[in-house]
Protein backbone atom coordinates (compact mmCIF):
# COMPACT_ATOMS: atom_id res chain seq x y z
CA MET A 1 131.57 68.13 76.74
CA ALA A 2 129.89 65.29 78.67
CA LYS A 3 126.78 66.12 80.70
CA SER A 4 127.26 65.83 84.46
CA ASN A 5 125.09 63.61 86.63
CA PHE A 6 125.45 66.07 89.52
CA PRO A 7 122.01 67.11 90.83
CA PRO A 8 120.95 70.23 88.88
CA LEU A 9 119.60 72.18 91.88
CA LEU A 10 122.85 71.70 93.78
CA HIS A 11 124.83 72.74 90.72
CA LEU A 12 122.65 75.84 90.28
CA SER A 13 123.07 76.69 93.96
CA PHE A 14 126.84 76.39 93.65
CA VAL A 15 126.97 78.55 90.49
CA LEU A 16 124.79 81.25 92.07
CA GLN A 17 126.94 81.30 95.22
CA GLN A 18 130.20 81.47 93.27
CA THR A 19 128.87 84.23 91.02
CA ALA A 20 127.59 86.21 94.01
CA ASP A 21 130.84 85.79 95.91
CA GLU A 22 132.95 87.00 92.98
CA MET A 23 130.65 89.95 92.34
CA LEU A 24 130.61 91.00 95.99
CA GLU A 25 134.38 90.71 96.35
CA GLN A 26 134.95 92.83 93.26
CA GLU A 27 132.38 95.51 94.01
CA THR A 28 132.34 95.74 97.83
CA GLY A 29 135.48 93.97 99.05
CA VAL A 30 133.25 91.68 101.12
CA GLY A 31 132.56 88.06 100.21
CA LEU A 32 129.31 86.13 100.35
CA SER A 33 130.15 84.47 103.69
CA ALA A 34 130.71 87.83 105.36
CA ALA A 35 127.53 89.22 103.79
CA ARG A 36 125.55 86.27 105.14
CA ILE A 37 126.90 86.93 108.63
CA MET A 38 126.14 90.64 108.35
CA SER A 39 122.57 89.78 107.29
CA VAL A 40 121.83 88.50 110.81
CA LEU A 41 123.60 91.32 112.66
CA ASP A 42 122.39 94.66 113.94
CA LYS A 43 124.27 97.88 114.62
CA THR A 44 122.76 98.42 118.07
CA LYS A 45 121.62 95.03 119.39
CA PRO A 46 124.39 92.48 119.98
CA VAL A 47 123.97 88.98 118.55
CA SER A 48 125.90 86.09 120.08
CA GLN A 49 128.39 84.21 117.97
CA ARG A 50 126.48 81.04 118.78
CA ASP A 51 123.18 82.54 117.54
CA ILE A 52 124.86 83.59 114.29
CA ALA A 53 126.09 80.04 113.74
CA VAL A 54 122.66 78.56 114.48
CA GLN A 55 120.80 81.01 112.23
CA LEU A 56 123.20 80.39 109.33
CA ARG A 57 123.48 76.64 109.95
CA GLN A 58 127.26 76.86 110.26
CA THR A 59 129.73 75.70 112.88
CA GLU A 60 130.76 78.18 115.56
CA SER A 61 134.40 77.73 114.58
CA ASN A 62 133.65 78.69 110.97
CA VAL A 63 131.73 81.76 112.12
CA SER A 64 134.52 82.64 114.56
CA ARG A 65 137.16 82.56 111.80
CA GLN A 66 135.02 84.71 109.56
CA LEU A 67 134.26 87.18 112.37
CA HIS A 68 137.96 87.48 113.18
CA ASN A 69 138.63 88.60 109.59
CA MET A 70 135.63 90.90 109.64
CA LYS A 71 136.82 92.54 112.86
CA LYS A 72 140.27 93.14 111.33
CA ALA A 73 138.52 94.80 108.37
CA GLY A 74 136.53 97.04 110.73
CA LEU A 75 133.16 95.55 109.80
CA VAL A 76 132.11 94.23 113.23
CA ASN A 77 132.70 94.79 116.92
CA ILE A 78 133.14 91.71 119.09
CA THR A 79 132.82 91.92 122.88
CA ARG A 80 132.56 89.46 125.73
CA ASN A 81 129.05 88.86 126.97
CA LYS A 82 128.60 90.49 130.39
CA LYS A 83 126.54 87.57 131.75
CA ASP A 84 128.71 84.76 130.34
CA SER A 85 132.33 85.65 129.57
CA ARG A 86 132.67 82.56 127.35
CA GLN A 87 130.15 84.05 124.93
CA ARG A 88 131.03 86.67 122.31
CA ASP A 89 128.55 89.36 121.26
CA VAL A 90 128.77 90.84 117.77
CA THR A 91 127.46 94.11 116.33
CA LEU A 92 127.94 95.78 112.97
CA THR A 93 130.10 98.87 112.73
CA SER A 94 129.03 101.82 110.57
CA LYS A 95 131.48 100.57 107.95
CA GLY A 96 130.00 97.06 108.17
CA LEU A 97 126.47 98.39 107.81
CA SER A 98 127.46 100.40 104.74
CA HIS A 99 129.19 97.39 103.16
CA TYR A 100 126.21 95.18 103.91
CA GLN A 101 123.72 97.64 102.43
CA ASN A 102 125.78 97.75 99.22
CA ALA A 103 126.06 93.95 99.17
CA GLU A 104 122.32 93.55 99.70
CA LYS A 105 121.55 95.85 96.74
CA LEU A 106 123.96 93.92 94.51
CA LEU A 107 122.52 90.55 95.55
CA LYS A 108 118.96 91.72 94.92
CA ARG A 109 120.02 93.01 91.50
CA GLN A 110 121.69 89.65 90.76
CA GLN A 111 118.53 87.77 91.76
CA THR A 112 116.32 90.02 89.62
CA LYS A 113 118.64 89.54 86.64
CA PHE A 114 118.59 85.76 87.15
CA LEU A 115 114.79 85.62 87.43
CA LYS A 116 114.40 87.62 84.20
CA ILE A 117 115.68 84.63 82.19
CA LEU A 118 112.49 82.82 83.24
CA ASN A 119 108.95 83.66 82.24
CA THR A 120 106.79 85.38 84.87
CA GLY A 121 105.07 82.18 86.02
CA GLU A 122 108.34 80.25 86.32
CA ALA A 123 110.00 83.12 88.20
CA LYS A 124 107.10 83.32 90.65
CA ILE A 125 107.12 79.56 91.28
CA LEU A 126 110.91 79.47 91.73
CA ASP A 127 110.82 82.45 94.12
CA GLN A 128 108.01 80.85 96.17
CA ALA A 129 109.82 77.51 96.29
CA ALA A 130 113.06 79.18 97.39
CA GLN A 131 111.20 81.09 100.13
CA ARG A 132 109.57 77.88 101.38
CA LEU A 133 112.80 75.88 101.32
CA SER A 134 115.00 78.45 103.04
């Protein structure tokens, strides 16, 4: 098989995302995109749809589509903002919180497993670089 000229870090990022998405779907019924959205939500304090999009560096329309599916699945509550009716406020449901906690454990386990293929120094450097870049 011919070696690709695709940038290795982008390829690695893609592989990790695909692997995480498949694992989450199989084990929690929630994909990586939904888990990312849930990571910025709270059960008691509403977060605006716009703020979610900004924090995740996604378009509002992409977040809106994802939230619509998540609401149907009972993972989030979406309400109109009392001060600005054009805004939507989002909170996690109990079911959403439970799904997110499971997803977070699985993702941490996946990261630990991935880092174990490196020696301790390499793993530390990669972890520090990822923290700085994200």
